C-alpha atoms as a PDB file:
ATOM      1  CA  UNK A   1      -0.024   0.063  -0.020  1.00  0.00           C
ATOM      2  CA  UNK A   2       2.799   2.448   0.861  1.00  0.00           C
ATOM      3  CA  UNK A   3       4.635   2.955  -2.363  1.00  0.00           C
ATOM      4  CA  UNK A   4       1.154   3.127  -4.220  1.00  0.00           C
ATOM      5  CA  UNK A   5       0.373   5.957  -1.624  1.00  0.00           C
ATOM      6  CA  UNK A   6       3.609   7.570  -2.275  1.00  0.00           C
ATOM      7  CA  UNK A   7       3.236   7.303  -5.855  1.00  0.00           C
ATOM      8  CA  UNK A   8      -0.216   8.913  -5.931  1.00  0.00           C
ATOM      9  CA  UNK A   9       0.615  11.606  -3.568  1.00  0.00           C
ATOM     10  CA  UNK A  10       3.720  12.529  -5.740  1.00  0.00           C
ATOM     11  CA  UNK A  11       1.580  12.416  -8.690  1.00  0.00           C
ATOM     12  CA  UNK A  12      -0.991  14.845  -7.105  1.00  0.00           C
ATOM     13  CA  UNK A  13       2.057  17.314  -6.356  1.00  0.00           C
ATOM     14  CA  UNK A  14       1.561  16.911  -2.539  1.00  0.00           C
ATOM     15  CA  UNK A  15       4.327  16.835  -0.139  1.00  0.00           C
ATOM     16  CA  UNK A  16       3.904  14.468   2.885  1.00  0.00           C
ATOM     17  CA  UNK A  17       3.033  17.417   5.034  1.00  0.00           C
ATOM     18  CA  UNK A  18       0.393  18.830   2.638  1.00  0.00           C
ATOM     19  CA  UNK A  19      -1.196  15.371   2.206  1.00  0.00           C
ATOM     20  CA  UNK A  20      -1.122  14.693   5.916  1.00  0.00           C
ATOM     21  CA  UNK A  21      -2.885  18.021   6.588  1.00  0.00           C
ATOM     22  CA  UNK A  22      -5.601  17.071   3.947  1.00  0.00           C
ATOM     23  CA  UNK A  23      -6.216  13.611   5.800  1.00  0.00           C
ATOM     24  CA  UNK A  24      -6.419  15.730   9.207  1.00  0.00           C
ATOM     25  CA  UNK A  25      -8.995  17.937   7.463  1.00  0.00           C
ATOM     26  CA  UNK A  26     -10.905  14.658   6.575  1.00  0.00           C
ATOM     27  CA  UNK A  27     -10.909  13.617  10.330  1.00  0.00           C
ATOM     28  CA  UNK A  28      -7.841  11.385  10.565  1.00  0.00           C
ATOM     29  CA  UNK A  29      -5.192  12.592  13.131  1.00  0.00           C
ATOM     30  CA  UNK A  30      -2.027  11.705  11.370  1.00  0.00           C
ATOM     31  CA  UNK A  31       1.329  13.361  11.278  1.00  0.00           C
ATOM     32  CA  UNK A  32       3.878  13.662   8.534  1.00  0.00           C
ATOM     33  CA  UNK A  33       5.825  11.115  10.384  1.00  0.00           C
ATOM     34  CA  UNK A  34       3.067   8.713  10.475  1.00  0.00           C
ATOM     35  CA  UNK A  35       2.182   8.972   6.694  1.00  0.00           C
ATOM     36  CA  UNK A  36       6.046   8.796   6.172  1.00  0.00           C
ATOM     37  CA  UNK A  37       6.004   5.258   8.026  1.00  0.00           C
ATOM     38  CA  UNK A  38       2.955   4.073   6.009  1.00  0.00           C
ATOM     39  CA  UNK A  39       4.768   4.928   2.619  1.00  0.00           C
ATOM     40  CA  UNK A  40       7.969   3.125   3.934  1.00  0.00           C
ATOM     41  CA  UNK A  41       6.057   0.120   4.731  1.00  0.00           C
ATOM     42  CA  UNK A  42       6.796   0.346   8.620  1.00  0.00           C
ATOM     43  CA  UNK A  43       3.238   0.975   9.480  1.00  0.00           C
ATOM     44  CA  UNK A  44       0.155  -1.016   8.692  1.00  0.00           C
ATOM     45  CA  UNK A  45      -3.225   0.863   8.065  1.00  0.00           C
ATOM     46  CA  UNK A  46      -6.764  -0.243   9.063  1.00  0.00           C
ATOM     47  CA  UNK A  47      -9.564  -0.742   6.815  1.00  0.00           C
ATOM     48  CA  UNK A  48     -10.880   2.639   7.647  1.00  0.00           C
ATOM     49  CA  UNK A  49      -7.407   4.288   7.240  1.00  0.00           C
ATOM     50  CA  UNK A  50      -7.212   2.577   3.658  1.00  0.00           C
ATOM     51  CA  UNK A  51     -10.655   4.031   2.916  1.00  0.00           C
ATOM     52  CA  UNK A  52      -9.730   7.426   3.813  1.00  0.00           C
ATOM     53  CA  UNK A  53      -6.412   7.237   1.957  1.00  0.00           C
ATOM     54  CA  UNK A  54      -8.338   6.289  -1.124  1.00  0.00           C
ATOM     55  CA  UNK A  55     -10.654   9.161  -0.682  1.00  0.00           C
ATOM     56  CA  UNK A  56      -8.149  11.600  -0.157  1.00  0.00           C
ATOM     57  CA  UNK A  57      -6.143  10.507  -3.177  1.00  0.00           C
ATOM     58  CA  UNK A  58      -9.353  10.300  -5.293  1.00  0.00           C
ATOM     59  CA  UNK A  59      -8.594   6.627  -5.942  1.00  0.00           C
ATOM     60  CA  UNK A  60     -10.316   3.316  -5.455  1.00  0.00           C
ATOM     61  CA  UNK A  61      -8.974   1.009  -2.780  1.00  0.00           C
ATOM     62  CA  UNK A  62      -8.240  -1.507  -5.413  1.00  0.00           C
ATOM     63  CA  UNK A  63      -5.802   1.048  -6.926  1.00  0.00           C
ATOM     64  CA  UNK A  64      -3.917   1.328  -3.748  1.00  0.00           C
ATOM     65  CA  UNK A  65      -2.780  -2.249  -4.125  1.00  0.00           C
ATOM     66  CA  UNK A  66       0.039  -2.866  -6.372  1.00  0.00           C
ATOM     67  CA  UNK A  67      -0.706  -4.820  -9.672  1.00  0.00           C
ATOM     68  CA  UNK A  68       0.086  -8.281  -9.859  1.00  0.00           C
ATOM     69  CA  UNK A  69       2.138  -9.715 -12.559  1.00  0.00           C
ATOM     70  CA  UNK A  70      -0.165 -11.450 -15.276  1.00  0.00           C
ATOM     71  CA  UNK A  71       1.647 -14.791 -14.750  1.00  0.00           C
ATOM     72  CA  UNK A  72       1.122 -14.651 -11.129  1.00  0.00           C
ATOM     73  CA  UNK A  73      -2.683 -14.048 -11.628  1.00  0.00           C
ATOM     74  CA  UNK A  74      -2.814 -16.992 -14.014  1.00  0.00           C
ATOM     75  CA  UNK A  75      -1.052 -19.361 -11.461  1.00  0.00           C
ATOM     76  CA  UNK A  76      -3.438 -18.263  -8.693  1.00  0.00           C
ATOM     77  CA  UNK A  77      -6.637 -18.801 -10.774  1.00  0.00           C
ATOM     78  CA  UNK A  78      -5.459 -22.319 -11.625  1.00  0.00           C
ATOM     79  CA  UNK A  79      -4.947 -23.153  -8.164  1.00  0.00           C
END
């Protein structure tokens, strides 16, 4: 999740501080440091936090998950 959050945040032209402020306005008490830990995969996010990240980035929750290689998807489907 973290690298995708970073990617979309940077694409939106937001610093970590600005994005943390956006999340705070939406009701999540998170610091720039907390966001940094999420982006670095040092902190997990709850389902509610995942939803809030997606809304603040104007992305679907699915878009926050990295894409799987097509070969892996095929193997997983075959069981």
